[in-house]
mmCIF file of all heavy atoms, coordinates in Angstrom:
data_MODEL
# 
_entry.id   MODEL 
# 
loop_
_atom_site.group_PDB 
_atom_site.id 
_atom_site.type_symbol 
_atom_site.label_atom_id 
_atom_site.label_alt_id 
_atom_site.label_comp_id 
_atom_site.label_asym_id 
_atom_site.label_entity_id 
_atom_site.label_seq_id 
_atom_site.pdbx_PDB_ins_code 
_atom_site.Cartn_x 
_atom_site.Cartn_y 
_atom_site.Cartn_z 
_atom_site.occupancy 
_atom_site.B_iso_or_equiv 
_atom_site.pdbx_formal_charge 
_atom_site.auth_seq_id 
_atom_site.auth_comp_id 
_atom_site.auth_asym_id 
_atom_site.auth_atom_id 
_atom_site.pdbx_PDB_model_num 
ATOM 1   N N   . GLY A 1 1  ? 73.408 51.720 120.198 1.00 0.00 ? 1  GLY A N   1 
ATOM 2   C CA  . GLY A 1 1  ? 73.809 52.120 118.838 1.00 0.00 ? 1  GLY A CA  1 
ATOM 3   C C   . GLY A 1 1  ? 72.614 52.272 117.908 1.00 0.00 ? 1  GLY A C   1 
ATOM 4   O O   . GLY A 1 1  ? 72.538 53.237 117.136 1.00 0.00 ? 1  GLY A O   1 
ATOM 5   N N   . ILE A 1 2  ? 71.696 51.317 117.972 1.00 0.00 ? 2  ILE A N   1 
ATOM 6   C CA  . ILE A 1 2  ? 70.487 51.381 117.151 1.00 0.00 ? 2  ILE A CA  1 
ATOM 7   C C   . ILE A 1 2  ? 69.672 52.622 117.526 1.00 0.00 ? 2  ILE A C   1 
ATOM 8   O O   . ILE A 1 2  ? 69.165 53.358 116.664 1.00 0.00 ? 2  ILE A O   1 
ATOM 9   C CB  . ILE A 1 2  ? 69.648 50.098 117.303 1.00 0.00 ? 2  ILE A CB  1 
ATOM 10  C CG1 . ILE A 1 2  ? 70.396 48.917 116.659 1.00 0.00 ? 2  ILE A CG1 1 
ATOM 11  C CG2 . ILE A 1 2  ? 68.262 50.262 116.668 1.00 0.00 ? 2  ILE A CG2 1 
ATOM 12  C CD1 . ILE A 1 2  ? 69.780 47.557 116.976 1.00 0.00 ? 2  ILE A CD1 1 
ATOM 13  N N   . GLY A 1 3  ? 69.567 52.891 118.824 1.00 0.00 ? 3  GLY A N   1 
ATOM 14  C CA  . GLY A 1 3  ? 68.845 54.080 119.287 1.00 0.00 ? 3  GLY A CA  1 
ATOM 15  C C   . GLY A 1 3  ? 69.504 55.360 118.809 1.00 0.00 ? 3  GLY A C   1 
ATOM 16  O O   . GLY A 1 3  ? 68.814 56.301 118.415 1.00 0.00 ? 3  GLY A O   1 
ATOM 17  N N   . ALA A 1 4  ? 70.826 55.407 118.831 1.00 0.00 ? 4  ALA A N   1 
ATOM 18  C CA  . ALA A 1 4  ? 71.544 56.597 118.397 1.00 0.00 ? 4  ALA A CA  1 
ATOM 19  C C   . ALA A 1 4  ? 71.333 56.846 116.898 1.00 0.00 ? 4  ALA A C   1 
ATOM 20  O O   . ALA A 1 4  ? 71.079 57.971 116.480 1.00 0.00 ? 4  ALA A O   1 
ATOM 21  C CB  . ALA A 1 4  ? 73.029 56.465 118.704 1.00 0.00 ? 4  ALA A CB  1 
ATOM 22  N N   . VAL A 1 5  ? 71.407 55.786 116.107 1.00 0.00 ? 5  VAL A N   1 
ATOM 23  C CA  . VAL A 1 5  ? 71.180 55.914 114.650 1.00 0.00 ? 5  VAL A CA  1 
ATOM 24  C C   . VAL A 1 5  ? 69.748 56.376 114.395 1.00 0.00 ? 5  VAL A C   1 
ATOM 25  O O   . VAL A 1 5  ? 69.508 57.286 113.585 1.00 0.00 ? 5  VAL A O   1 
ATOM 26  C CB  . VAL A 1 5  ? 71.481 54.579 113.915 1.00 0.00 ? 5  VAL A CB  1 
ATOM 27  C CG1 . VAL A 1 5  ? 70.996 54.627 112.478 1.00 0.00 ? 5  VAL A CG1 1 
ATOM 28  C CG2 . VAL A 1 5  ? 72.962 54.279 113.969 1.00 0.00 ? 5  VAL A CG2 1 
ATOM 29  N N   . GLY A 1 6  ? 68.810 55.783 115.110 1.00 0.00 ? 6  GLY A N   1 
ATOM 30  C CA  . GLY A 1 6  ? 67.407 56.191 114.965 1.00 0.00 ? 6  GLY A CA  1 
ATOM 31  C C   . GLY A 1 6  ? 67.204 57.643 115.344 1.00 0.00 ? 6  GLY A C   1 
ATOM 32  O O   . GLY A 1 6  ? 66.459 58.373 114.682 1.00 0.00 ? 6  GLY A O   1 
ATOM 33  N N   . GLY A 1 7  ? 67.876 58.086 116.399 1.00 0.00 ? 7  GLY A N   1 
ATOM 34  C CA  . GLY A 1 7  ? 67.769 59.479 116.829 1.00 0.00 ? 7  GLY A CA  1 
ATOM 35  C C   . GLY A 1 7  ? 68.323 60.438 115.796 1.00 0.00 ? 7  GLY A C   1 
ATOM 36  O O   . GLY A 1 7  ? 67.743 61.503 115.549 1.00 0.00 ? 7  GLY A O   1 
ATOM 37  N N   . VAL A 1 8  ? 69.434 60.070 115.178 1.00 0.00 ? 8  VAL A N   1 
ATOM 38  C CA  . VAL A 1 8  ? 70.036 60.925 114.138 1.00 0.00 ? 8  VAL A CA  1 
ATOM 39  C C   . VAL A 1 8  ? 69.094 61.023 112.944 1.00 0.00 ? 8  VAL A C   1 
ATOM 40  O O   . VAL A 1 8  ? 68.849 62.115 112.410 1.00 0.00 ? 8  VAL A O   1 
ATOM 41  C CB  . VAL A 1 8  ? 71.420 60.390 113.718 1.00 0.00 ? 8  VAL A CB  1 
ATOM 42  C CG1 . VAL A 1 8  ? 71.925 61.076 112.465 1.00 0.00 ? 8  VAL A CG1 1 
ATOM 43  C CG2 . VAL A 1 8  ? 72.420 60.550 114.852 1.00 0.00 ? 8  VAL A CG2 1 
ATOM 44  N N   . ILE A 1 9  ? 68.542 59.902 112.525 1.00 0.00 ? 9  ILE A N   1 
ATOM 45  C CA  . ILE A 1 9  ? 67.614 59.899 111.386 1.00 0.00 ? 9  ILE A CA  1 
ATOM 46  C C   . ILE A 1 9  ? 66.387 60.741 111.715 1.00 0.00 ? 9  ILE A C   1 
ATOM 47  O O   . ILE A 1 9  ? 65.954 61.557 110.899 1.00 0.00 ? 9  ILE A O   1 
ATOM 48  C CB  . ILE A 1 9  ? 67.223 58.459 110.995 1.00 0.00 ? 9  ILE A CB  1 
ATOM 49  C CG1 . ILE A 1 9  ? 68.443 57.729 110.402 1.00 0.00 ? 9  ILE A CG1 1 
ATOM 50  C CG2 . ILE A 1 9  ? 66.065 58.452 110.001 1.00 0.00 ? 9  ILE A CG2 1 
ATOM 51  C CD1 . ILE A 1 9  ? 68.255 56.248 110.201 1.00 0.00 ? 9  ILE A CD1 1 
ATOM 52  N N   . ALA A 1 10 ? 65.814 60.551 112.897 1.00 0.00 ? 10 ALA A N   1 
ATOM 53  C CA  . ALA A 1 10 ? 64.653 61.347 113.300 1.00 0.00 ? 10 ALA A CA  1 
ATOM 54  C C   . ALA A 1 10 ? 65.007 62.832 113.328 1.00 0.00 ? 10 ALA A C   1 
ATOM 55  O O   . ALA A 1 10 ? 64.187 63.683 112.951 1.00 0.00 ? 10 ALA A O   1 
ATOM 56  C CB  . ALA A 1 10 ? 64.128 60.885 114.657 1.00 0.00 ? 10 ALA A CB  1 
ATOM 57  N N   . GLY A 1 11 ? 66.194 63.159 113.774 1.00 0.00 ? 11 GLY A N   1 
ATOM 58  C CA  . GLY A 1 11 ? 66.636 64.550 113.789 1.00 0.00 ? 11 GLY A CA  1 
ATOM 59  C C   . GLY A 1 11 ? 66.667 65.170 112.403 1.00 0.00 ? 11 GLY A C   1 
ATOM 60  O O   . GLY A 1 11 ? 66.299 66.347 112.228 1.00 0.00 ? 11 GLY A O   1 
ATOM 61  N N   . PHE A 1 12 ? 67.080 64.403 111.413 1.00 0.00 ? 12 PHE A N   1 
ATOM 62  C CA  . PHE A 1 12 ? 67.080 64.897 110.039 1.00 0.00 ? 12 PHE A CA  1 
ATOM 63  C C   . PHE A 1 12 ? 65.667 65.254 109.573 1.00 0.00 ? 12 PHE A C   1 
ATOM 64  O O   . PHE A 1 12 ? 65.479 66.128 108.748 1.00 0.00 ? 12 PHE A O   1 
ATOM 65  C CB  . PHE A 1 12 ? 67.668 63.870 109.069 1.00 0.00 ? 12 PHE A CB  1 
ATOM 66  C CG  . PHE A 1 12 ? 69.170 63.751 109.126 1.00 0.00 ? 12 PHE A CG  1 
ATOM 67  C CD1 . PHE A 1 12 ? 69.784 62.518 109.047 1.00 0.00 ? 12 PHE A CD1 1 
ATOM 68  C CD2 . PHE A 1 12 ? 69.969 64.879 109.246 1.00 0.00 ? 12 PHE A CD2 1 
ATOM 69  C CE1 . PHE A 1 12 ? 71.153 62.397 109.091 1.00 0.00 ? 12 PHE A CE1 1 
ATOM 70  C CE2 . PHE A 1 12 ? 71.350 64.772 109.297 1.00 0.00 ? 12 PHE A CE2 1 
ATOM 71  C CZ  . PHE A 1 12 ? 71.946 63.516 109.216 1.00 0.00 ? 12 PHE A CZ  1 
ATOM 72  N N   . PHE A 1 13 ? 64.670 64.553 110.112 1.00 0.00 ? 13 PHE A N   1 
ATOM 73  C CA  . PHE A 1 13 ? 63.283 64.779 109.712 1.00 0.00 ? 13 PHE A CA  1 
ATOM 74  C C   . PHE A 1 13 ? 62.562 65.747 110.643 1.00 0.00 ? 13 PHE A C   1 
ATOM 75  O O   . PHE A 1 13 ? 61.341 65.833 110.644 1.00 0.00 ? 13 PHE A O   1 
ATOM 76  C CB  . PHE A 1 13 ? 62.520 63.454 109.666 1.00 0.00 ? 13 PHE A CB  1 
ATOM 77  C CG  . PHE A 1 13 ? 62.877 62.615 108.473 1.00 0.00 ? 13 PHE A CG  1 
ATOM 78  C CD1 . PHE A 1 13 ? 63.822 61.627 108.559 1.00 0.00 ? 13 PHE A CD1 1 
ATOM 79  C CD2 . PHE A 1 13 ? 62.256 62.835 107.249 1.00 0.00 ? 13 PHE A CD2 1 
ATOM 80  C CE1 . PHE A 1 13 ? 64.181 60.873 107.451 1.00 0.00 ? 13 PHE A CE1 1 
ATOM 81  C CE2 . PHE A 1 13 ? 62.595 62.082 106.144 1.00 0.00 ? 13 PHE A CE2 1 
ATOM 82  C CZ  . PHE A 1 13 ? 63.559 61.097 106.231 1.00 0.00 ? 13 PHE A CZ  1 
ATOM 83  N N   . GLY A 1 14 ? 63.321 66.474 111.454 1.00 0.00 ? 14 GLY A N   1 
ATOM 84  C CA  . GLY A 1 14 ? 62.705 67.482 112.304 1.00 0.00 ? 14 GLY A CA  1 
ATOM 85  C C   . GLY A 1 14 ? 62.232 66.961 113.653 1.00 0.00 ? 14 GLY A C   1 
ATOM 86  O O   . GLY A 1 14 ? 61.491 67.629 114.365 1.00 0.00 ? 14 GLY A O   1 
ATOM 87  N N   . GLY A 1 15 ? 62.637 65.774 114.002 1.00 0.00 ? 15 GLY A N   1 
ATOM 88  C CA  . GLY A 1 15 ? 62.263 65.212 115.293 1.00 0.00 ? 15 GLY A CA  1 
ATOM 89  C C   . GLY A 1 15 ? 61.199 64.149 115.164 1.00 0.00 ? 15 GLY A C   1 
ATOM 90  O O   . GLY A 1 15 ? 60.456 64.078 114.193 1.00 0.00 ? 15 GLY A O   1 
ATOM 91  N N   . TRP A 1 16 ? 61.164 63.315 116.191 1.00 0.00 ? 16 TRP A N   1 
ATOM 92  C CA  . TRP A 1 16 ? 60.209 62.190 116.217 1.00 0.00 ? 16 TRP A CA  1 
ATOM 93  C C   . TRP A 1 16 ? 58.960 62.692 116.922 1.00 0.00 ? 16 TRP A C   1 
ATOM 94  O O   . TRP A 1 16 ? 58.755 62.438 118.095 1.00 0.00 ? 16 TRP A O   1 
ATOM 95  C CB  . TRP A 1 16 ? 60.874 61.031 116.950 1.00 0.00 ? 16 TRP A CB  1 
ATOM 96  C CG  . TRP A 1 16 ? 60.186 59.736 116.821 1.00 0.00 ? 16 TRP A CG  1 
ATOM 97  C CD1 . TRP A 1 16 ? 59.569 59.058 117.830 1.00 0.00 ? 16 TRP A CD1 1 
ATOM 98  C CD2 . TRP A 1 16 ? 60.020 58.940 115.653 1.00 0.00 ? 16 TRP A CD2 1 
ATOM 99  N NE1 . TRP A 1 16 ? 59.049 57.886 117.341 1.00 0.00 ? 16 TRP A NE1 1 
ATOM 100 C CE2 . TRP A 1 16 ? 59.313 57.793 116.019 1.00 0.00 ? 16 TRP A CE2 1 
ATOM 101 C CE3 . TRP A 1 16 ? 60.394 59.095 114.322 1.00 0.00 ? 16 TRP A CE3 1 
ATOM 102 C CZ2 . TRP A 1 16 ? 58.972 56.800 115.113 1.00 0.00 ? 16 TRP A CZ2 1 
ATOM 103 C CZ3 . TRP A 1 16 ? 60.069 58.107 113.425 1.00 0.00 ? 16 TRP A CZ3 1 
ATOM 104 C CH2 . TRP A 1 16 ? 59.353 56.979 113.803 1.00 0.00 ? 16 TRP A CH2 1 
ATOM 105 N N   . ASP A 1 17 ? 58.117 63.430 116.196 1.00 0.00 ? 17 ASP A N   1 
ATOM 106 C CA  . ASP A 1 17 ? 56.933 64.019 116.793 1.00 0.00 ? 17 ASP A CA  1 
ATOM 107 C C   . ASP A 1 17 ? 55.667 63.334 116.290 1.00 0.00 ? 17 ASP A C   1 
ATOM 108 O O   . ASP A 1 17 ? 55.729 62.411 115.477 1.00 0.00 ? 17 ASP A O   1 
ATOM 109 C CB  . ASP A 1 17 ? 56.878 65.517 116.513 1.00 0.00 ? 17 ASP A CB  1 
ATOM 110 C CG  . ASP A 1 17 ? 56.790 65.864 115.037 1.00 0.00 ? 17 ASP A CG  1 
ATOM 111 O OD1 . ASP A 1 17 ? 56.880 64.936 114.205 1.00 0.00 ? 17 ASP A OD1 1 
ATOM 112 O OD2 . ASP A 1 17 ? 56.656 67.050 114.719 1.00 0.00 ? 17 ASP A OD2 1 
ATOM 113 N N   . ALA A 1 18 ? 54.527 63.775 116.784 1.00 0.00 ? 18 ALA A N   1 
ATOM 114 C CA  . ALA A 1 18 ? 53.255 63.151 116.427 1.00 0.00 ? 18 ALA A CA  1 
ATOM 115 C C   . ALA A 1 18 ? 52.989 63.220 114.926 1.00 0.00 ? 18 ALA A C   1 
ATOM 116 O O   . ALA A 1 18 ? 52.438 62.286 114.338 1.00 0.00 ? 18 ALA A O   1 
ATOM 117 C CB  . ALA A 1 18 ? 52.112 63.831 117.198 1.00 0.00 ? 18 ALA A CB  1 
ATOM 118 N N   . ALA A 1 19 ? 53.372 64.312 114.284 1.00 0.00 ? 19 ALA A N   1 
ATOM 119 C CA  . ALA A 1 19 ? 53.130 64.472 112.852 1.00 0.00 ? 19 ALA A CA  1 
ATOM 120 C C   . ALA A 1 19 ? 53.897 63.423 112.036 1.00 0.00 ? 19 ALA A C   1 
ATOM 121 O O   . ALA A 1 19 ? 53.334 62.763 111.156 1.00 0.00 ? 19 ALA A O   1 
ATOM 122 C CB  . ALA A 1 19 ? 53.511 65.867 112.390 1.00 0.00 ? 19 ALA A CB  1 
ATOM 123 N N   . LEU A 1 20 ? 55.167 63.235 112.344 1.00 0.00 ? 20 LEU A N   1 
ATOM 124 C CA  . LEU A 1 20 ? 55.961 62.263 111.609 1.00 0.00 ? 20 LEU A CA  1 
ATOM 125 C C   . LEU A 1 20 ? 55.493 60.830 111.885 1.00 0.00 ? 20 LEU A C   1 
ATOM 126 O O   . LEU A 1 20 ? 55.388 60.011 110.973 1.00 0.00 ? 20 LEU A O   1 
ATOM 127 C CB  . LEU A 1 20 ? 57.449 62.399 111.949 1.00 0.00 ? 20 LEU A CB  1 
ATOM 128 C CG  . LEU A 1 20 ? 58.410 61.528 111.166 1.00 0.00 ? 20 LEU A CG  1 
ATOM 129 C CD1 . LEU A 1 20 ? 58.326 61.823 109.661 1.00 0.00 ? 20 LEU A CD1 1 
ATOM 130 C CD2 . LEU A 1 20 ? 59.850 61.742 111.651 1.00 0.00 ? 20 LEU A CD2 1 
ATOM 131 N N   . ILE A 1 21 ? 55.185 60.551 113.144 1.00 0.00 ? 21 ILE A N   1 
ATOM 132 C CA  . ILE A 1 21 ? 54.674 59.223 113.492 1.00 0.00 ? 21 ILE A CA  1 
ATOM 133 C C   . ILE A 1 21 ? 53.380 58.942 112.746 1.00 0.00 ? 21 ILE A C   1 
ATOM 134 O O   . ILE A 1 21 ? 53.179 57.858 112.195 1.00 0.00 ? 21 ILE A O   1 
ATOM 135 C CB  . ILE A 1 21 ? 54.468 59.105 115.031 1.00 0.00 ? 21 ILE A CB  1 
ATOM 136 C CG1 . ILE A 1 21 ? 55.816 59.134 115.745 1.00 0.00 ? 21 ILE A CG1 1 
ATOM 137 C CG2 . ILE A 1 21 ? 53.701 57.835 115.379 1.00 0.00 ? 21 ILE A CG2 1 
ATOM 138 C CD1 . ILE A 1 21 ? 55.714 59.313 117.250 1.00 0.00 ? 21 ILE A CD1 1 
ATOM 139 N N   . THR A 1 22 ? 52.487 59.951 112.713 1.00 0.00 ? 22 THR A N   1 
ATOM 140 C CA  . THR A 1 22 ? 51.200 59.793 112.013 1.00 0.00 ? 22 THR A CA  1 
ATOM 141 C C   . THR A 1 22 ? 51.427 59.531 110.536 1.00 0.00 ? 22 THR A C   1 
ATOM 142 O O   . THR A 1 22 ? 50.807 58.629 109.959 1.00 0.00 ? 22 THR A O   1 
ATOM 143 C CB  . THR A 1 22 ? 50.324 61.031 112.219 1.00 0.00 ? 22 THR A CB  1 
ATOM 144 O OG1 . THR A 1 22 ? 50.116 61.218 113.619 1.00 0.00 ? 22 THR A OG1 1 
ATOM 145 C CG2 . THR A 1 22 ? 48.997 60.894 111.499 1.00 0.00 ? 22 THR A CG2 1 
ATOM 146 N N   . LEU A 1 23 ? 52.322 60.300 109.917 1.00 0.00 ? 23 LEU A N   1 
ATOM 147 C CA  . LEU A 1 23 ? 52.593 60.077 108.490 1.00 0.00 ? 23 LEU A CA  1 
ATOM 148 C C   . LEU A 1 23 ? 53.119 58.673 108.243 1.00 0.00 ? 23 LEU A C   1 
ATOM 149 O O   . LEU A 1 23 ? 52.650 57.978 107.320 1.00 0.00 ? 23 LEU A O   1 
ATOM 150 C CB  . LEU A 1 23 ? 53.600 61.112 107.971 1.00 0.00 ? 23 LEU A CB  1 
ATOM 151 C CG  . LEU A 1 23 ? 54.011 60.952 106.517 1.00 0.00 ? 23 LEU A CG  1 
ATOM 152 C CD1 . LEU A 1 23 ? 52.806 61.048 105.578 1.00 0.00 ? 23 LEU A CD1 1 
ATOM 153 C CD2 . LEU A 1 23 ? 55.080 61.972 106.135 1.00 0.00 ? 23 LEU A CD2 1 
ATOM 154 N N   . LEU A 1 24 ? 54.042 58.217 109.061 1.00 0.00 ? 24 LEU A N   1 
ATOM 155 C CA  . LEU A 1 24 ? 54.604 56.862 108.869 1.00 0.00 ? 24 LEU A CA  1 
ATOM 156 C C   . LEU A 1 24 ? 53.544 55.781 109.068 1.00 0.00 ? 24 LEU A C   1 
ATOM 157 O O   . LEU A 1 24 ? 53.489 54.802 108.323 1.00 0.00 ? 24 LEU A O   1 
ATOM 158 C CB  . LEU A 1 24 ? 55.779 56.644 109.802 1.00 0.00 ? 24 LEU A CB  1 
ATOM 159 C CG  . LEU A 1 24 ? 57.023 57.485 109.481 1.00 0.00 ? 24 LEU A CG  1 
ATOM 160 C CD1 . LEU A 1 24 ? 58.073 57.311 110.576 1.00 0.00 ? 24 LEU A CD1 1 
ATOM 161 C CD2 . LEU A 1 24 ? 57.597 57.139 108.114 1.00 0.00 ? 24 LEU A CD2 1 
ATOM 162 N N   . ILE A 1 25 ? 52.671 55.973 110.071 1.00 0.00 ? 25 ILE A N   1 
ATOM 163 C CA  . ILE A 1 25 ? 51.580 55.018 110.278 1.00 0.00 ? 25 ILE A CA  1 
ATOM 164 C C   . ILE A 1 25 ? 50.639 55.012 109.085 1.00 0.00 ? 25 ILE A C   1 
ATOM 165 O O   . ILE A 1 25 ? 50.273 53.950 108.573 1.00 0.00 ? 25 ILE A O   1 
ATOM 166 C CB  . ILE A 1 25 ? 50.825 55.325 111.592 1.00 0.00 ? 25 ILE A CB  1 
ATOM 167 C CG1 . ILE A 1 25 ? 51.710 54.992 112.790 1.00 0.00 ? 25 ILE A CG1 1 
ATOM 168 C CG2 . ILE A 1 25 ? 49.500 54.568 111.661 1.00 0.00 ? 25 ILE A CG2 1 
ATOM 169 C CD1 . ILE A 1 25 ? 51.154 55.466 114.130 1.00 0.00 ? 25 ILE A CD1 1 
ATOM 170 N N   . PHE A 1 26 ? 50.261 56.205 108.613 1.00 0.00 ? 26 PHE A N   1 
ATOM 171 C CA  . PHE A 1 26 ? 49.360 56.298 107.450 1.00 0.00 ? 26 PHE A CA  1 
ATOM 172 C C   . PHE A 1 26 ? 49.994 55.641 106.226 1.00 0.00 ? 26 PHE A C   1 
ATOM 173 O O   . PHE A 1 26 ? 49.328 54.957 105.458 1.00 0.00 ? 26 PHE A O   1 
ATOM 174 C CB  . PHE A 1 26 ? 49.004 57.754 107.147 1.00 0.00 ? 26 PHE A CB  1 
ATOM 175 C CG  . PHE A 1 26 ? 47.965 58.356 108.052 1.00 0.00 ? 26 PHE A CG  1 
ATOM 176 C CD1 . PHE A 1 26 ? 47.539 57.712 109.208 1.00 0.00 ? 26 PHE A CD1 1 
ATOM 177 C CD2 . PHE A 1 26 ? 47.420 59.576 107.742 1.00 0.00 ? 26 PHE A CD2 1 
ATOM 178 C CE1 . PHE A 1 26 ? 46.590 58.286 110.027 1.00 0.00 ? 26 PHE A CE1 1 
ATOM 179 C CE2 . PHE A 1 26 ? 46.461 60.142 108.552 1.00 0.00 ? 26 PHE A CE2 1 
ATOM 180 C CZ  . PHE A 1 26 ? 46.046 59.515 109.704 1.00 0.00 ? 26 PHE A CZ  1 
ATOM 181 N N   . MET A 1 27 ? 51.302 55.845 106.030 1.00 0.00 ? 27 MET A N   1 
ATOM 182 C CA  . MET A 1 27 ? 51.993 55.242 104.897 1.00 0.00 ? 27 MET A CA  1 
ATOM 183 C C   . MET A 1 27 ? 51.955 53.717 104.996 1.00 0.00 ? 27 MET A C   1 
ATOM 184 O O   . MET A 1 27 ? 51.712 53.031 104.010 1.00 0.00 ? 27 MET A O   1 
ATOM 185 C CB  . MET A 1 27 ? 53.438 55.739 104.811 1.00 0.00 ? 27 MET A CB  1 
ATOM 186 C CG  . MET A 1 27 ? 53.560 57.196 104.442 1.00 0.00 ? 27 MET A CG  1 
ATOM 187 S SD  . MET A 1 27 ? 55.241 57.806 104.603 1.00 0.00 ? 27 MET A SD  1 
ATOM 188 C CE  . MET A 1 27 ? 55.845 57.493 102.959 1.00 0.00 ? 27 MET A CE  1 
# 
């Protein structure tokens, strides 16, 4: 369930890709 919710949220942001991960790490 946690994975599914995380997947939906990541989908809203265009996918869990290197760019989004980098932005979150930098933040």
